[in-house]
C-alpha atoms as a PDB file:
ATOM      1  CA  UNK A   1     -65.171 -75.932 275.441  1.00  0.00           C
ATOM      2  CA  UNK A   2     -67.910 -74.367 277.587  1.00  0.00           C
ATOM      3  CA  UNK A   3     -68.269 -70.618 276.904  1.00  0.00           C
ATOM      4  CA  UNK A   4     -67.635 -69.692 280.525  1.00  0.00           C
ATOM      5  CA  UNK A   5     -64.302 -71.524 280.436  1.00  0.00           C
ATOM      6  CA  UNK A   6     -63.385 -70.275 276.975  1.00  0.00           C
ATOM      7  CA  UNK A   7     -63.532 -66.684 278.253  1.00  0.00           C
ATOM      8  CA  UNK A   8     -61.139 -67.279 281.179  1.00  0.00           C
ATOM      9  CA  UNK A   9     -57.615 -65.950 281.349  1.00  0.00           C
ATOM     10  CA  UNK A  10     -54.821 -68.404 282.084  1.00  0.00           C
ATOM     11  CA  UNK A  11     -54.672 -67.322 285.716  1.00  0.00           C
ATOM     12  CA  UNK A  12     -58.441 -67.652 286.192  1.00  0.00           C
ATOM     13  CA  UNK A  13     -58.525 -71.091 284.577  1.00  0.00           C
ATOM     14  CA  UNK A  14     -55.566 -72.285 286.662  1.00  0.00           C
ATOM     15  CA  UNK A  15     -57.152 -70.993 289.876  1.00  0.00           C
ATOM     16  CA  UNK A  16     -60.421 -72.763 289.111  1.00  0.00           C
ATOM     17  CA  UNK A  17     -58.559 -75.942 288.180  1.00  0.00           C
ATOM     18  CA  UNK A  18     -56.754 -75.918 291.537  1.00  0.00           C
ATOM     19  CA  UNK A  19     -60.140 -75.547 293.279  1.00  0.00           C
ATOM     20  CA  UNK A  20     -61.606 -78.470 291.307  1.00  0.00           C
ATOM     21  CA  UNK A  21     -58.649 -80.706 292.157  1.00  0.00           C
ATOM     22  CA  UNK A  22     -58.940 -79.776 295.838  1.00  0.00           C
ATOM     23  CA  UNK A  23     -62.640 -80.680 295.861  1.00  0.00           C
ATOM     24  CA  UNK A  24     -61.968 -83.995 294.179  1.00  0.00           C
ATOM     25  CA  UNK A  25     -59.132 -84.827 296.561  1.00  0.00           C
ATOM     26  CA  UNK A  26     -61.265 -83.933 299.577  1.00  0.00           C
ATOM     27  CA  UNK A  27     -63.919 -86.436 298.531  1.00  0.00           C
ATOM     28  CA  UNK A  28     -67.363 -86.500 300.030  1.00  0.00           C
ATOM     29  CA  UNK A  29     -69.132 -85.728 296.764  1.00  0.00           C
ATOM     30  CA  UNK A  30     -71.520 -87.981 294.915  1.00  0.00           C
ATOM     31  CA  UNK A  31     -70.365 -89.880 291.862  1.00  0.00           C
ATOM     32  CA  UNK A  32     -72.401 -87.581 289.630  1.00  0.00           C
ATOM     33  CA  UNK A  33     -70.874 -84.458 291.196  1.00  0.00           C
ATOM     34  CA  UNK A  34     -67.395 -85.972 291.005  1.00  0.00           C
ATOM     35  CA  UNK A  35     -67.844 -86.705 287.301  1.00  0.00           C
ATOM     36  CA  UNK A  36     -69.059 -83.149 286.666  1.00  0.00           C
ATOM     37  CA  UNK A  37     -66.041 -81.783 288.543  1.00  0.00           C
ATOM     38  CA  UNK A  38     -63.713 -84.061 286.589  1.00  0.00           C
ATOM     39  CA  UNK A  39     -65.185 -82.900 283.270  1.00  0.00           C
ATOM     40  CA  UNK A  40     -64.860 -79.257 284.296  1.00  0.00           C
ATOM     41  CA  UNK A  41     -61.287 -79.900 285.398  1.00  0.00           C
ATOM     42  CA  UNK A  42     -60.475 -81.448 282.022  1.00  0.00           C
ATOM     43  CA  UNK A  43     -61.917 -78.397 280.236  1.00  0.00           C
ATOM     44  CA  UNK A  44     -59.985 -76.040 282.513  1.00  0.00           C
ATOM     45  CA  UNK A  45     -56.760 -77.948 281.889  1.00  0.00           C
ATOM     46  CA  UNK A  46     -57.351 -77.693 278.126  1.00  0.00           C
ATOM     47  CA  UNK A  47     -57.881 -73.935 278.498  1.00  0.00           C
ATOM     48  CA  UNK A  48     -54.563 -73.608 280.344  1.00  0.00           C
ATOM     49  CA  UNK A  49     -52.832 -75.654 277.639  1.00  0.00           C
ATOM     50  CA  UNK A  50     -54.367 -73.454 274.925  1.00  0.00           C
ATOM     51  CA  UNK A  51     -53.044 -70.343 276.641  1.00  0.00           C
ATOM     52  CA  UNK A  52     -49.577 -71.849 277.053  1.00  0.00           C
ATOM     53  CA  UNK A  53     -49.478 -72.996 273.436  1.00  0.00           C
ATOM     54  CA  UNK A  54     -50.457 -69.503 272.325  1.00  0.00           C
ATOM     55  CA  UNK A  55     -47.661 -68.048 274.419  1.00  0.00           C
ATOM     56  CA  UNK A  56     -45.163 -70.511 272.903  1.00  0.00           C
ATOM     57  CA  UNK A  57     -46.238 -69.511 269.401  1.00  0.00           C
ATOM     58  CA  UNK A  58     -45.910 -65.798 270.196  1.00  0.00           C
ATOM     59  CA  UNK A  59     -42.426 -66.360 271.621  1.00  0.00           C
ATOM     60  CA  UNK A  60     -41.385 -68.359 268.586  1.00  0.00           C
ATOM     61  CA  UNK A  61     -42.732 -65.657 266.283  1.00  0.00           C
ATOM     62  CA  UNK A  62     -40.898 -62.967 268.251  1.00  0.00           C
ATOM     63  CA  UNK A  63     -37.635 -64.926 267.983  1.00  0.00           C
ATOM     64  CA  UNK A  64     -38.045 -65.337 264.243  1.00  0.00           C
ATOM     65  CA  UNK A  65     -38.779 -61.632 263.754  1.00  0.00           C
ATOM     66  CA  UNK A  66     -35.773 -60.548 265.769  1.00  0.00           C
END
């Protein structure tokens, strides 16, 4: 994952992902730019999933400790 994305919080990654999707839906970009946006969107989505998985694990651990 790119370092700039790896350092994002869940909220920051989600916000950037929404912006990427909006740009792709709007169209008007070159194929090369669209591919770069798609790849960034995929990385942002993975970052969000990583955060959510971490939260699930913390919740499960808290339930087991309680």
